[in-house]
Amino acid sequence: MKLQKLLIVSLLIALAGLGAMLTFAERDNKTTDEFRNQFVKEFQRIGLNTTIGDAMMLRILVESARCKRGVEVGSATGFGAVNMGIAFERTGGKLYTLEIDPKMAHTCRDNLQKVGLEKTVTCVEGDALKTLAELEGQFDFIFIDALKQDYMKYFKLIEPKLKTGALIVADNVIRSERAMKDFLDYIQTSPGYDTVIIRASMEKNDGMSVSYKIR
């Protein structure tokens, strides 16, 4: 009887160890390039998400500039956050993605967790006009993709926290040029920034502004 109990206990311990091994395997699988590339490929994007080409451009910008602390204004369901999160993980950095809609913020967090980026990317729920002011420290990257008429307001809240050499990227600057005219006028004419308008994707027949903070 004692031998039978001992065997049962040993079996339970072995099963627990196997469960832990499977958990680690599942976690490690989330971080492989193969898994993440497939996840991005099969991502169920919505109209508010960044295009595939723009998302890859954002990833390249973050990684090539070795950015360490970034902000995304407008998470939607997290397609851009996942792509940028991969880059920030590679640089050893951190991304804060801001989303006003509770359901989208929940979906964004869920998607980040599915690819093991929940420690690299933090989804902050709330109005960016409030949450931007609450972010502490300095940043070297910001991507703006929320209410077009509020781009200047978002930028002015984060500008004092931007390091020299920071990258500022704004989406939809071609089709929504009029709505964000004050922002574009400022970022394109200020002596403190070098700015170019690019098209990394023709999916929405739109483009992004990319600015470098000179001083």
N, C-alpha and C. Protein backbone atom coordinates (compact mmCIF):
# COMPACT_ATOMS: atom_id res chain seq x y z
N MET A 1 0.83 -1.21 0.00
CA MET A 1 0.00 0.00 0.00
C MET A 1 0.87 1.26 0.00
N LYS A 2 1.94 1.23 0.84
CA LYS A 2 2.84 2.38 0.90
C LYS A 2 3.54 2.59 -0.44
N LEU A 3 3.92 1.44 -1.08
CA LEU A 3 4.59 1.51 -2.37
C LEU A 3 3.67 2.11 -3.42
N GLN A 4 2.37 1.75 -3.34
CA GLN A 4 1.38 2.27 -4.29
C GLN A 4 1.22 3.78 -4.13
N LYS A 5 1.17 4.25 -2.89
CA LYS A 5 1.05 5.68 -2.62
C LYS A 5 2.29 6.43 -3.12
N LEU A 6 3.45 5.78 -2.91
CA LEU A 6 4.70 6.40 -3.33
C LEU A 6 4.75 6.55 -4.85
N LEU A 7 4.25 5.53 -5.52
CA LEU A 7 4.21 5.58 -6.99
C LEU A 7 3.26 6.67 -7.49
N ILE A 8 2.12 6.80 -6.80
CA ILE A 8 1.15 7.83 -7.18
C ILE A 8 1.74 9.23 -6.98
N VAL A 9 2.41 9.45 -5.84
CA VAL A 9 3.03 10.74 -5.55
C VAL A 9 4.09 11.05 -6.59
N SER A 10 4.90 10.03 -6.93
CA SER A 10 5.96 10.22 -7.92
C SER A 10 5.38 10.58 -9.28
N LEU A 11 4.25 9.92 -9.62
CA LEU A 11 3.59 10.20 -10.89
C LEU A 11 3.06 11.62 -10.94
N LEU A 12 2.47 12.08 -9.83
CA LEU A 12 1.93 13.44 -9.77
C LEU A 12 3.04 14.48 -9.90
N ILE A 13 4.17 14.21 -9.26
CA ILE A 13 5.32 15.12 -9.35
C ILE A 13 5.83 15.18 -10.78
N ALA A 14 5.89 14.02 -11.41
CA ALA A 14 6.36 13.96 -12.79
C ALA A 14 5.43 14.72 -13.72
N LEU A 15 4.11 14.56 -13.50
CA LEU A 15 3.12 15.26 -14.32
C LEU A 15 3.21 16.77 -14.13
N ALA A 16 3.42 17.18 -12.86
CA ALA A 16 3.56 18.61 -12.57
C ALA A 16 4.78 19.17 -13.28
N GLY A 17 5.87 18.41 -13.27
CA GLY A 17 7.08 18.85 -13.95
C GLY A 17 6.87 18.94 -15.45
N LEU A 18 6.12 17.97 -16.00
CA LEU A 18 5.83 17.99 -17.43
C LEU A 18 4.96 19.21 -17.78
N GLY A 19 4.00 19.52 -16.88
CA GLY A 19 3.15 20.69 -17.10
C GLY A 19 3.95 21.97 -17.11
N ALA A 20 4.91 22.05 -16.20
CA ALA A 20 5.76 23.24 -16.14
C ALA A 20 6.61 23.35 -17.40
N MET A 21 7.11 22.19 -17.87
CA MET A 21 7.92 22.19 -19.10
C MET A 21 7.10 22.65 -20.29
N LEU A 22 5.84 22.21 -20.35
CA LEU A 22 4.96 22.61 -21.44
C LEU A 22 4.67 24.10 -21.38
N THR A 23 4.49 24.61 -20.15
CA THR A 23 4.23 26.04 -19.98
C THR A 23 5.41 26.87 -20.47
N PHE A 24 6.62 26.44 -20.10
CA PHE A 24 7.82 27.13 -20.56
C PHE A 24 7.95 27.04 -22.08
N ALA A 25 7.61 25.87 -22.63
CA ALA A 25 7.70 25.68 -24.07
C ALA A 25 6.73 26.59 -24.80
N GLU A 26 5.52 26.71 -24.25
CA GLU A 26 4.52 27.59 -24.85
C GLU A 26 4.98 29.04 -24.81
N ARG A 27 5.57 29.43 -23.66
CA ARG A 27 6.06 30.79 -23.52
C ARG A 27 7.19 31.06 -24.51
N ASP A 28 8.13 30.11 -24.59
CA ASP A 28 9.25 30.28 -25.50
C ASP A 28 8.79 30.31 -26.95
N ASN A 29 7.76 29.55 -27.27
CA ASN A 29 7.24 29.52 -28.64
C ASN A 29 6.72 30.88 -29.06
N LYS A 30 6.16 31.62 -28.11
CA LYS A 30 5.61 32.95 -28.40
C LYS A 30 6.69 33.93 -28.88
N THR A 31 7.91 33.68 -28.48
CA THR A 31 8.97 34.65 -28.76
C THR A 31 9.80 34.30 -29.99
N THR A 32 9.48 33.21 -30.66
CA THR A 32 10.25 32.86 -31.85
C THR A 32 9.84 33.74 -33.02
N ASP A 33 10.80 34.02 -33.90
CA ASP A 33 10.50 34.82 -35.09
C ASP A 33 9.44 34.14 -35.95
N GLU A 34 9.52 32.84 -36.05
CA GLU A 34 8.57 32.09 -36.88
C GLU A 34 7.14 32.26 -36.38
N PHE A 35 6.95 32.11 -35.07
CA PHE A 35 5.62 32.25 -34.49
C PHE A 35 5.10 33.68 -34.65
N ARG A 36 5.95 34.65 -34.33
CA ARG A 36 5.52 36.04 -34.39
C ARG A 36 5.24 36.49 -35.82
N ASN A 37 6.06 36.07 -36.75
CA ASN A 37 5.81 36.43 -38.15
C ASN A 37 4.49 35.87 -38.64
N GLN A 38 4.17 34.64 -38.22
CA GLN A 38 2.90 34.04 -38.60
C GLN A 38 1.74 34.76 -37.94
N PHE A 39 1.94 35.17 -36.67
CA PHE A 39 0.90 35.90 -35.94
C PHE A 39 0.60 37.23 -36.63
N VAL A 40 1.64 37.95 -37.02
CA VAL A 40 1.48 39.23 -37.72
C VAL A 40 0.78 39.01 -39.06
N LYS A 41 1.18 37.95 -39.75
CA LYS A 41 0.60 37.64 -41.06
C LYS A 41 -0.89 37.35 -40.96
N GLU A 42 -1.30 36.67 -39.90
CA GLU A 42 -2.70 36.25 -39.74
C GLU A 42 -3.51 37.21 -38.87
N PHE A 43 -2.90 38.32 -38.45
CA PHE A 43 -3.56 39.29 -37.57
C PHE A 43 -4.85 39.79 -38.23
N GLN A 44 -5.94 39.75 -37.47
CA GLN A 44 -7.23 40.21 -37.98
C GLN A 44 -7.32 41.73 -37.83
N ARG A 45 -6.75 42.43 -38.80
CA ARG A 45 -6.70 43.89 -38.71
C ARG A 45 -8.07 44.51 -38.96
N ILE A 46 -8.26 45.68 -38.34
CA ILE A 46 -9.47 46.48 -38.55
C ILE A 46 -9.05 47.79 -39.20
N GLY A 47 -10.03 48.61 -39.58
CA GLY A 47 -9.73 49.86 -40.27
C GLY A 47 -8.85 50.81 -39.50
N LEU A 48 -8.88 50.74 -38.18
CA LEU A 48 -8.09 51.66 -37.36
C LEU A 48 -6.64 51.20 -37.19
N ASN A 49 -6.35 49.98 -37.58
CA ASN A 49 -4.97 49.49 -37.45
C ASN A 49 -4.03 50.09 -38.50
N THR A 50 -2.77 50.13 -38.14
CA THR A 50 -1.73 50.55 -39.07
C THR A 50 -1.65 49.55 -40.23
N THR A 51 -1.29 50.02 -41.41
CA THR A 51 -1.13 49.11 -42.54
C THR A 51 0.09 48.22 -42.33
N ILE A 52 0.16 47.14 -43.07
CA ILE A 52 1.28 46.20 -42.94
C ILE A 52 2.61 46.89 -43.26
N GLY A 53 2.63 47.64 -44.34
CA GLY A 53 3.86 48.33 -44.73
C GLY A 53 4.29 49.38 -43.72
N ASP A 54 3.33 50.15 -43.22
CA ASP A 54 3.65 51.19 -42.22
C ASP A 54 4.13 50.57 -40.91
N ALA A 55 3.50 49.46 -40.52
CA ALA A 55 3.90 48.79 -39.28
C ALA A 55 5.34 48.30 -39.38
N MET A 56 5.71 47.77 -40.53
CA MET A 56 7.09 47.30 -40.71
C MET A 56 8.06 48.49 -40.73
N MET A 57 7.65 49.60 -41.33
CA MET A 57 8.49 50.79 -41.32
C MET A 57 8.72 51.27 -39.88
N LEU A 58 7.69 51.25 -39.06
CA LEU A 58 7.82 51.65 -37.67
C LEU A 58 8.80 50.73 -36.94
N ARG A 59 8.69 49.45 -37.21
CA ARG A 59 9.59 48.49 -36.58
C ARG A 59 11.03 48.78 -36.97
N ILE A 60 11.25 49.04 -38.25
CA ILE A 60 12.60 49.32 -38.75
C ILE A 60 13.15 50.61 -38.16
N LEU A 61 12.30 51.64 -38.07
CA LEU A 61 12.74 52.92 -37.50
C LEU A 61 13.18 52.76 -36.05
N VAL A 62 12.39 52.06 -35.27
CA VAL A 62 12.70 51.87 -33.85
C VAL A 62 14.01 51.11 -33.68
N GLU A 63 14.15 50.03 -34.45
CA GLU A 63 15.32 49.19 -34.28
C GLU A 63 16.58 49.84 -34.83
N SER A 64 16.48 50.47 -35.99
CA SER A 64 17.68 51.08 -36.59
C SER A 64 18.18 52.26 -35.78
N ALA A 65 17.26 52.99 -35.11
CA ALA A 65 17.65 54.12 -34.28
C ALA A 65 17.97 53.70 -32.85
N ARG A 66 17.81 52.39 -32.58
CA ARG A 66 18.08 51.84 -31.24
C ARG A 66 17.29 52.59 -30.17
N CYS A 67 16.04 52.84 -30.44
CA CYS A 67 15.18 53.56 -29.49
C CYS A 67 14.95 52.72 -28.23
N LYS A 68 14.86 53.41 -27.10
CA LYS A 68 14.74 52.73 -25.81
C LYS A 68 13.40 52.98 -25.11
N ARG A 69 12.82 54.16 -25.31
CA ARG A 69 11.54 54.47 -24.65
C ARG A 69 10.64 55.15 -25.66
N GLY A 70 9.51 54.49 -25.95
CA GLY A 70 8.61 55.02 -26.96
C GLY A 70 7.17 55.12 -26.50
N VAL A 71 6.40 55.90 -27.26
CA VAL A 71 4.98 56.08 -26.99
C VAL A 71 4.21 55.95 -28.30
N GLU A 72 3.12 55.23 -28.25
CA GLU A 72 2.20 55.17 -29.38
C GLU A 72 0.87 55.77 -28.91
N VAL A 73 0.38 56.75 -29.64
CA VAL A 73 -0.91 57.36 -29.31
C VAL A 73 -1.95 56.77 -30.25
N GLY A 74 -2.77 55.86 -29.74
CA GLY A 74 -3.78 55.20 -30.54
C GLY A 74 -3.42 53.75 -30.81
N SER A 75 -3.74 52.85 -29.89
CA SER A 75 -3.36 51.44 -30.02
C SER A 75 -4.24 50.67 -30.98
N ALA A 76 -5.56 51.00 -30.98
CA ALA A 76 -6.57 50.16 -31.62
C ALA A 76 -6.41 48.75 -31.04
N THR A 77 -6.33 47.72 -31.89
CA THR A 77 -6.24 46.36 -31.35
C THR A 77 -4.80 45.86 -31.25
N GLY A 78 -3.84 46.74 -31.49
CA GLY A 78 -2.46 46.41 -31.18
C GLY A 78 -1.58 45.92 -32.31
N PHE A 79 -2.00 46.08 -33.57
CA PHE A 79 -1.15 45.61 -34.66
C PHE A 79 0.17 46.39 -34.71
N GLY A 80 0.09 47.70 -34.61
CA GLY A 80 1.30 48.52 -34.59
C GLY A 80 2.12 48.25 -33.34
N ALA A 81 1.45 48.09 -32.21
CA ALA A 81 2.15 47.85 -30.94
C ALA A 81 2.93 46.55 -30.97
N VAL A 82 2.36 45.52 -31.59
CA VAL A 82 3.06 44.24 -31.70
C VAL A 82 4.32 44.41 -32.55
N ASN A 83 4.19 45.07 -33.69
CA ASN A 83 5.33 45.27 -34.58
C ASN A 83 6.42 46.12 -33.94
N MET A 84 6.02 47.23 -33.33
CA MET A 84 7.00 48.07 -32.65
C MET A 84 7.55 47.38 -31.41
N GLY A 85 6.70 46.60 -30.75
CA GLY A 85 7.13 45.88 -29.56
C GLY A 85 8.26 44.91 -29.85
N ILE A 86 8.21 44.25 -31.01
CA ILE A 86 9.28 43.35 -31.42
C ILE A 86 10.60 44.12 -31.50
N ALA A 87 10.54 45.32 -32.08
CA ALA A 87 11.75 46.14 -32.21
C ALA A 87 12.25 46.61 -30.85
N PHE A 88 11.33 47.06 -29.99
CA PHE A 88 11.75 47.54 -28.66
C PHE A 88 12.31 46.40 -27.82
N GLU A 89 11.80 45.20 -28.00
CA GLU A 89 12.37 44.06 -27.29
C GLU A 89 13.81 43.83 -27.73
N ARG A 90 14.05 43.97 -29.03
CA ARG A 90 15.40 43.78 -29.57
C ARG A 90 16.37 44.84 -29.07
N THR A 91 15.88 46.06 -28.85
CA THR A 91 16.77 47.13 -28.37
C THR A 91 16.87 47.17 -26.85
N GLY A 92 16.09 46.30 -26.20
CA GLY A 92 16.06 46.32 -24.74
C GLY A 92 15.27 47.49 -24.21
N GLY A 93 14.32 47.98 -25.02
CA GLY A 93 13.55 49.17 -24.65
C GLY A 93 12.15 48.88 -24.16
N LYS A 94 11.35 49.93 -24.10
CA LYS A 94 9.99 49.85 -23.56
C LYS A 94 9.07 50.75 -24.38
N LEU A 95 7.87 50.25 -24.68
CA LEU A 95 6.87 51.03 -25.41
C LEU A 95 5.61 51.16 -24.58
N TYR A 96 5.07 52.38 -24.53
CA TYR A 96 3.77 52.63 -23.91
C TYR A 96 2.79 52.93 -25.04
N THR A 97 1.73 52.15 -25.15
CA THR A 97 0.74 52.39 -26.18
C THR A 97 -0.56 52.83 -25.51
N LEU A 98 -1.12 53.94 -25.97
CA LEU A 98 -2.25 54.58 -25.30
C LEU A 98 -3.53 54.37 -26.10
N GLU A 99 -4.59 53.93 -25.41
CA GLU A 99 -5.86 53.66 -26.08
C GLU A 99 -7.04 54.10 -25.21
N ILE A 100 -7.94 54.86 -25.81
CA ILE A 100 -9.07 55.42 -25.06
C ILE A 100 -10.23 54.43 -24.93
N ASP A 101 -10.36 53.51 -25.88
CA ASP A 101 -11.48 52.58 -25.88
C ASP A 101 -11.15 51.34 -25.04
N PRO A 102 -11.93 51.06 -23.99
CA PRO A 102 -11.63 49.93 -23.09
C PRO A 102 -11.59 48.58 -23.79
N LYS A 103 -12.50 48.34 -24.72
CA LYS A 103 -12.54 47.05 -25.41
C LYS A 103 -11.29 46.87 -26.28
N MET A 104 -10.90 47.93 -26.97
CA MET A 104 -9.71 47.84 -27.81
C MET A 104 -8.46 47.70 -26.95
N ALA A 105 -8.42 48.38 -25.83
CA ALA A 105 -7.27 48.26 -24.93
C ALA A 105 -7.14 46.82 -24.44
N HIS A 106 -8.27 46.21 -24.12
CA HIS A 106 -8.29 44.81 -23.67
C HIS A 106 -7.77 43.89 -24.78
N THR A 107 -8.24 44.10 -26.01
CA THR A 107 -7.81 43.29 -27.15
C THR A 107 -6.33 43.49 -27.42
N CYS A 108 -5.88 44.74 -27.31
CA CYS A 108 -4.47 45.05 -27.52
C CYS A 108 -3.60 44.28 -26.53
N ARG A 109 -3.97 44.31 -25.25
CA ARG A 109 -3.21 43.59 -24.23
C ARG A 109 -3.20 42.09 -24.50
N ASP A 110 -4.35 41.58 -24.94
CA ASP A 110 -4.46 40.15 -25.24
C ASP A 110 -3.53 39.77 -26.39
N ASN A 111 -3.49 40.59 -27.42
CA ASN A 111 -2.62 40.31 -28.56
C ASN A 111 -1.15 40.39 -28.19
N LEU A 112 -0.81 41.35 -27.34
CA LEU A 112 0.58 41.47 -26.88
C LEU A 112 0.99 40.24 -26.08
N GLN A 113 0.07 39.75 -25.27
CA GLN A 113 0.37 38.56 -24.45
C GLN A 113 0.54 37.33 -25.33
N LYS A 114 -0.21 37.24 -26.41
CA LYS A 114 -0.13 36.08 -27.30
C LYS A 114 1.25 35.93 -27.93
N VAL A 115 1.97 37.05 -28.06
CA VAL A 115 3.31 36.97 -28.64
C VAL A 115 4.40 37.27 -27.61
N GLY A 116 4.04 37.22 -26.34
CA GLY A 116 5.02 37.36 -25.28
C GLY A 116 5.66 38.72 -25.15
N LEU A 117 4.89 39.77 -25.50
CA LEU A 117 5.44 41.13 -25.45
C LEU A 117 4.85 41.97 -24.32
N GLU A 118 4.12 41.34 -23.40
CA GLU A 118 3.44 42.10 -22.35
C GLU A 118 4.39 42.81 -21.40
N LYS A 119 5.63 42.37 -21.31
CA LYS A 119 6.60 43.05 -20.45
C LYS A 119 7.30 44.20 -21.19
N THR A 120 7.36 44.10 -22.50
CA THR A 120 8.00 45.14 -23.30
C THR A 120 7.05 46.27 -23.64
N VAL A 121 5.78 45.94 -23.83
CA VAL A 121 4.77 46.94 -24.21
C VAL A 121 3.68 47.01 -23.15
N THR A 122 3.41 48.22 -22.67
CA THR A 122 2.34 48.44 -21.70
C THR A 122 1.22 49.24 -22.36
N CYS A 123 0.02 48.68 -22.36
CA CYS A 123 -1.13 49.38 -22.92
C CYS A 123 -1.80 50.18 -21.82
N VAL A 124 -1.82 51.50 -22.00
CA VAL A 124 -2.40 52.41 -21.01
C VAL A 124 -3.78 52.84 -21.49
N GLU A 125 -4.79 52.51 -20.70
CA GLU A 125 -6.17 52.84 -21.08
C GLU A 125 -6.53 54.25 -20.61
N GLY A 126 -7.16 55.02 -21.47
CA GLY A 126 -7.59 56.37 -21.11
C GLY A 126 -7.37 57.36 -22.23
N ASP A 127 -7.87 58.57 -22.03
CA ASP A 127 -7.71 59.65 -23.00
C ASP A 127 -6.25 60.08 -23.04
N ALA A 128 -5.64 60.01 -24.21
CA ALA A 128 -4.21 60.36 -24.34
C ALA A 128 -3.92 61.80 -23.92
N LEU A 129 -4.91 62.68 -24.02
CA LEU A 129 -4.71 64.06 -23.60
C LEU A 129 -4.49 64.14 -22.08
N LYS A 130 -4.84 63.07 -21.38
CA LYS A 130 -4.58 63.00 -19.95
C LYS A 130 -3.41 62.07 -19.65
N THR A 131 -3.40 60.91 -20.27
CA THR A 131 -2.37 59.91 -19.95
C THR A 131 -0.98 60.31 -20.43
N LEU A 132 -0.90 61.08 -21.52
CA LEU A 132 0.41 61.55 -21.98
C LEU A 132 1.10 62.40 -20.92
N ALA A 133 0.31 63.23 -20.27
CA ALA A 133 0.87 64.11 -19.24
C ALA A 133 1.35 63.33 -18.02
N GLU A 134 0.80 62.13 -17.84
CA GLU A 134 1.14 61.32 -16.67
C GLU A 134 2.38 60.45 -16.88
N LEU A 135 2.81 60.31 -18.12
CA LEU A 135 4.01 59.50 -18.39
C LEU A 135 5.26 60.21 -17.86
N GLU A 136 6.09 59.48 -17.17
CA GLU A 136 7.28 60.06 -16.57
C GLU A 136 8.54 59.72 -17.38
N GLY A 137 9.55 60.54 -17.22
CA GLY A 137 10.83 60.29 -17.88
C GLY A 137 10.90 60.86 -19.28
N GLN A 138 11.98 60.54 -19.98
CA GLN A 138 12.20 61.02 -21.34
C GLN A 138 11.97 59.91 -22.35
N PHE A 139 11.69 60.33 -23.59
CA PHE A 139 11.39 59.38 -24.65
C PHE A 139 12.19 59.71 -25.91
N ASP A 140 12.47 58.67 -26.69
CA ASP A 140 13.21 58.89 -27.95
C ASP A 140 12.41 58.44 -29.17
N PHE A 141 11.13 58.14 -28.96
CA PHE A 141 10.28 57.74 -30.09
C PHE A 141 8.81 58.00 -29.75
N ILE A 142 8.07 58.53 -30.72
CA ILE A 142 6.62 58.65 -30.56
C ILE A 142 5.94 58.44 -31.90
N PHE A 143 4.86 57.67 -31.87
CA PHE A 143 4.04 57.44 -33.06
C PHE A 143 2.63 57.92 -32.75
N ILE A 144 2.14 58.88 -33.54
CA ILE A 144 0.82 59.46 -33.31
C ILE A 144 -0.16 58.95 -34.36
N ASP A 145 -1.24 58.32 -33.91
CA ASP A 145 -2.24 57.78 -34.82
C ASP A 145 -3.59 57.73 -34.12
N ALA A 146 -4.06 58.89 -33.70
CA ALA A 146 -5.36 58.96 -33.01
C ALA A 146 -6.21 60.06 -33.69
N LEU A 147 -6.93 60.86 -32.91
CA LEU A 147 -7.77 61.91 -33.50
C LEU A 147 -6.91 62.92 -34.24
N LYS A 148 -7.18 63.06 -35.52
CA LYS A 148 -6.31 63.87 -36.38
C LYS A 148 -6.25 65.34 -35.95
N GLN A 149 -7.39 65.89 -35.55
CA GLN A 149 -7.41 67.30 -35.16
C GLN A 149 -6.68 67.56 -33.84
N ASP A 150 -6.34 66.49 -33.13
CA ASP A 150 -5.65 66.65 -31.85
C ASP A 150 -4.16 66.32 -31.91
N TYR A 151 -3.61 66.13 -33.11
CA TYR A 151 -2.19 65.78 -33.22
C TYR A 151 -1.29 66.80 -32.54
N MET A 152 -1.59 68.07 -32.74
CA MET A 152 -0.75 69.11 -32.15
C MET A 152 -0.84 69.06 -30.62
N LYS A 153 -2.02 68.78 -30.10
CA LYS A 153 -2.20 68.69 -28.65
C LYS A 153 -1.39 67.52 -28.08
N TYR A 154 -1.47 66.37 -28.76
CA TYR A 154 -0.69 65.21 -28.31
C TYR A 154 0.81 65.55 -28.32
N PHE A 155 1.23 66.14 -29.43
CA PHE A 155 2.65 66.42 -29.59
C PHE A 155 3.16 67.41 -28.55
N LYS A 156 2.39 68.42 -28.27
CA LYS A 156 2.82 69.42 -27.30
C LYS A 156 2.93 68.84 -25.89
N LEU A 157 2.15 67.83 -25.60
CA LEU A 157 2.21 67.20 -24.28
C LEU A 157 3.48 66.35 -24.13
N ILE A 158 3.93 65.76 -25.24
CA ILE A 158 5.10 64.88 -25.16
C ILE A 158 6.39 65.60 -25.53
N GLU A 159 6.30 66.71 -26.24
CA GLU A 159 7.50 67.39 -26.75
C GLU A 159 8.53 67.70 -25.65
N PRO A 160 8.14 68.21 -24.49
CA PRO A 160 9.14 68.51 -23.45
C PRO A 160 9.86 67.27 -22.95
N LYS A 161 9.31 66.10 -23.21
CA LYS A 161 9.90 64.85 -22.73
C LYS A 161 10.74 64.14 -23.80
N LEU A 162 10.84 64.75 -24.99
CA LEU A 162 11.58 64.13 -26.08
C LEU A 162 13.07 64.45 -26.00
N LYS A 163 13.89 63.43 -26.10
CA LYS A 163 15.33 63.61 -26.10
C LYS A 163 15.81 64.19 -27.44
N THR A 164 16.95 64.82 -27.44
CA THR A 164 17.58 65.20 -28.70
C THR A 164 17.88 63.91 -29.46
N GLY A 165 17.54 63.92 -30.76
CA GLY A 165 17.72 62.71 -31.55
C GLY A 165 16.48 61.82 -31.59
N ALA A 166 15.41 62.26 -30.94
CA ALA A 166 14.17 61.47 -30.93
C ALA A 166 13.52 61.45 -32.31
N LEU A 167 12.77 60.38 -32.57
CA LEU A 167 12.00 60.25 -33.80
C LEU A 167 10.53 60.49 -33.51
N ILE A 168 9.90 61.30 -34.36
CA ILE A 168 8.47 61.59 -34.23
C ILE A 168 7.79 61.15 -35.52
N VAL A 169 6.88 60.21 -35.42
CA VAL A 169 6.18 59.69 -36.59
C VAL A 169 4.69 59.94 -36.43
N ALA A 170 4.06 60.47 -37.47
CA ALA A 170 2.63 60.74 -37.44
C ALA A 170 1.96 60.10 -38.64
N ASP A 171 0.86 59.43 -38.42
CA ASP A 171 0.17 58.70 -39.49
C ASP A 171 -0.92 59.54 -40.15
N ASN A 172 -1.29 59.13 -41.36
CA ASN A 172 -2.41 59.72 -42.11
C ASN A 172 -2.21 61.19 -42.45
N VAL A 173 -0.97 61.60 -42.71
CA VAL A 173 -0.68 63.01 -42.92
C VAL A 173 -1.00 63.51 -44.33
N ILE A 174 -1.33 62.60 -45.22
CA ILE A 174 -1.68 63.02 -46.58
C ILE A 174 -3.19 63.22 -46.70
N ARG A 175 -3.94 62.20 -46.38
CA ARG A 175 -5.40 62.28 -46.53
C ARG A 175 -6.04 63.17 -45.46
N SER A 176 -5.39 63.29 -44.31
CA SER A 176 -5.95 64.11 -43.23
C SER A 176 -5.12 65.37 -42.99
N GLU A 177 -4.47 65.84 -44.03
CA GLU A 177 -3.58 66.99 -43.92
C GLU A 177 -4.27 68.22 -43.33
N ARG A 178 -5.48 68.51 -43.78
CA ARG A 178 -6.18 69.70 -43.30
C ARG A 178 -6.51 69.61 -41.81
N ALA A 179 -6.90 68.42 -41.37
CA ALA A 179 -7.30 68.25 -39.98
C ALA A 179 -6.13 68.47 -39.01
N MET A 180 -4.92 68.21 -39.48
CA MET A 180 -3.75 68.35 -38.61
C MET A 180 -2.78 69.42 -39.12
N LYS A 181 -3.32 70.41 -39.80
CA LYS A 181 -2.50 71.45 -40.42
C LYS A 181 -1.58 72.15 -39.42
N ASP A 182 -2.08 72.43 -38.23
CA ASP A 182 -1.25 73.11 -37.23
C ASP A 182 -0.05 72.26 -36.84
N PHE A 183 -0.26 70.96 -36.69
CA PHE A 183 0.85 70.06 -36.36
C PHE A 183 1.87 70.00 -37.49
N LEU A 184 1.39 69.81 -38.72
CA LEU A 184 2.29 69.68 -39.86
C LEU A 184 3.07 70.98 -40.12
N ASP A 185 2.38 72.11 -39.97
CA ASP A 185 3.07 73.39 -40.15
C ASP A 185 4.21 73.53 -39.14
N TYR A 186 3.93 73.12 -37.92
CA TYR A 186 4.92 73.25 -36.85
C TYR A 186 6.10 72.31 -37.07
N ILE A 187 5.82 71.04 -37.32
CA ILE A 187 6.88 70.04 -37.40
C ILE A 187 7.70 70.20 -38.68
N GLN A 188 7.09 70.79 -39.72
CA GLN A 188 7.81 70.96 -40.99
C GLN A 188 8.60 72.27 -41.08
N THR A 189 8.26 73.25 -40.26
CA THR A 189 8.94 74.54 -40.35
C THR A 189 9.80 74.87 -39.13
N SER A 190 9.62 74.15 -38.04
CA SER A 190 10.42 74.42 -36.86
C SER A 190 11.88 74.08 -37.10
N PRO A 191 12.80 74.98 -36.71
CA PRO A 191 14.24 74.72 -36.90
C PRO A 191 14.75 73.58 -36.02
N GLY A 192 13.94 73.14 -35.10
CA GLY A 192 14.36 72.07 -34.20
C GLY A 192 14.13 70.67 -34.75
N TYR A 193 13.52 70.59 -35.95
CA TYR A 193 13.20 69.27 -36.50
C TYR A 193 13.50 69.18 -37.98
N ASP A 194 13.97 68.02 -38.41
CA ASP A 194 14.04 67.66 -39.82
C ASP A 194 12.87 66.73 -40.09
N THR A 195 12.09 67.01 -41.15
CA THR A 195 10.87 66.24 -41.40
C THR A 195 10.75 65.85 -42.87
N VAL A 196 10.26 64.63 -43.09
CA VAL A 196 9.98 64.16 -44.45
C VAL A 196 8.65 63.40 -44.42
N ILE A 197 7.90 63.48 -45.52
CA ILE A 197 6.67 62.72 -45.67
C ILE A 197 6.98 61.49 -46.51
N ILE A 198 6.61 60.31 -46.01
CA ILE A 198 6.91 59.08 -46.72
C ILE A 198 5.64 58.24 -46.94
N ARG A 199 5.73 57.36 -47.92
CA ARG A 199 4.67 56.37 -48.15
C ARG A 199 5.32 54.99 -48.12
N ALA A 200 5.10 54.28 -47.03
CA ALA A 200 5.63 52.92 -46.92
C ALA A 200 4.61 51.90 -47.38
N SER A 201 3.37 52.38 -47.63
CA SER A 201 2.30 51.49 -48.05
C SER A 201 1.29 52.27 -48.89
N MET A 202 0.73 51.61 -49.89
CA MET A 202 -0.31 52.23 -50.71
C MET A 202 -1.69 51.68 -50.34
N GLU A 203 -1.73 50.90 -49.28
CA GLU A 203 -2.98 50.23 -48.88
C GLU A 203 -4.11 51.22 -48.65
N LYS A 204 -3.81 52.33 -47.99
CA LYS A 204 -4.84 53.34 -47.70
C LYS A 204 -4.61 54.62 -48.49
N ASN A 205 -3.68 54.56 -49.44
CA ASN A 205 -3.36 55.74 -50.24
C ASN A 205 -3.03 56.94 -49.34
N ASP A 206 -2.20 56.68 -48.34
CA ASP A 206 -1.88 57.69 -47.34
C ASP A 206 -0.39 57.64 -47.05
N GLY A 207 0.04 58.38 -46.02
CA GLY A 207 1.46 58.40 -45.69
C GLY A 207 1.71 58.84 -44.27
N MET A 208 2.99 58.88 -43.90
CA MET A 208 3.39 59.26 -42.55
C MET A 208 4.44 60.36 -42.63
N SER A 209 4.47 61.20 -41.61
CA SER A 209 5.57 62.15 -41.47
C SER A 209 6.58 61.55 -40.52
N VAL A 210 7.85 61.69 -40.85
CA VAL A 210 8.92 61.20 -39.98
C VAL A 210 9.82 62.38 -39.67
N SER A 211 9.97 62.68 -38.40
CA SER A 211 10.76 63.84 -37.97
C SER A 211 11.87 63.42 -37.03
N TYR A 212 12.97 64.14 -37.12
CA TYR A 212 14.13 63.91 -36.23
C TYR A 212 14.35 65.16 -35.40
N LYS A 213 14.41 65.00 -34.09
CA LYS A 213 14.61 66.15 -33.21
C LYS A 213 16.09 66.52 -33.18
N ILE A 214 16.42 67.66 -33.75
CA ILE A 214 17.80 68.12 -33.85
C ILE A 214 18.34 68.58 -32.51
N ARG A 215 17.50 69.29 -31.78
CA ARG A 215 17.93 69.81 -30.47
C ARG A 215 16.71 70.04 -29.57
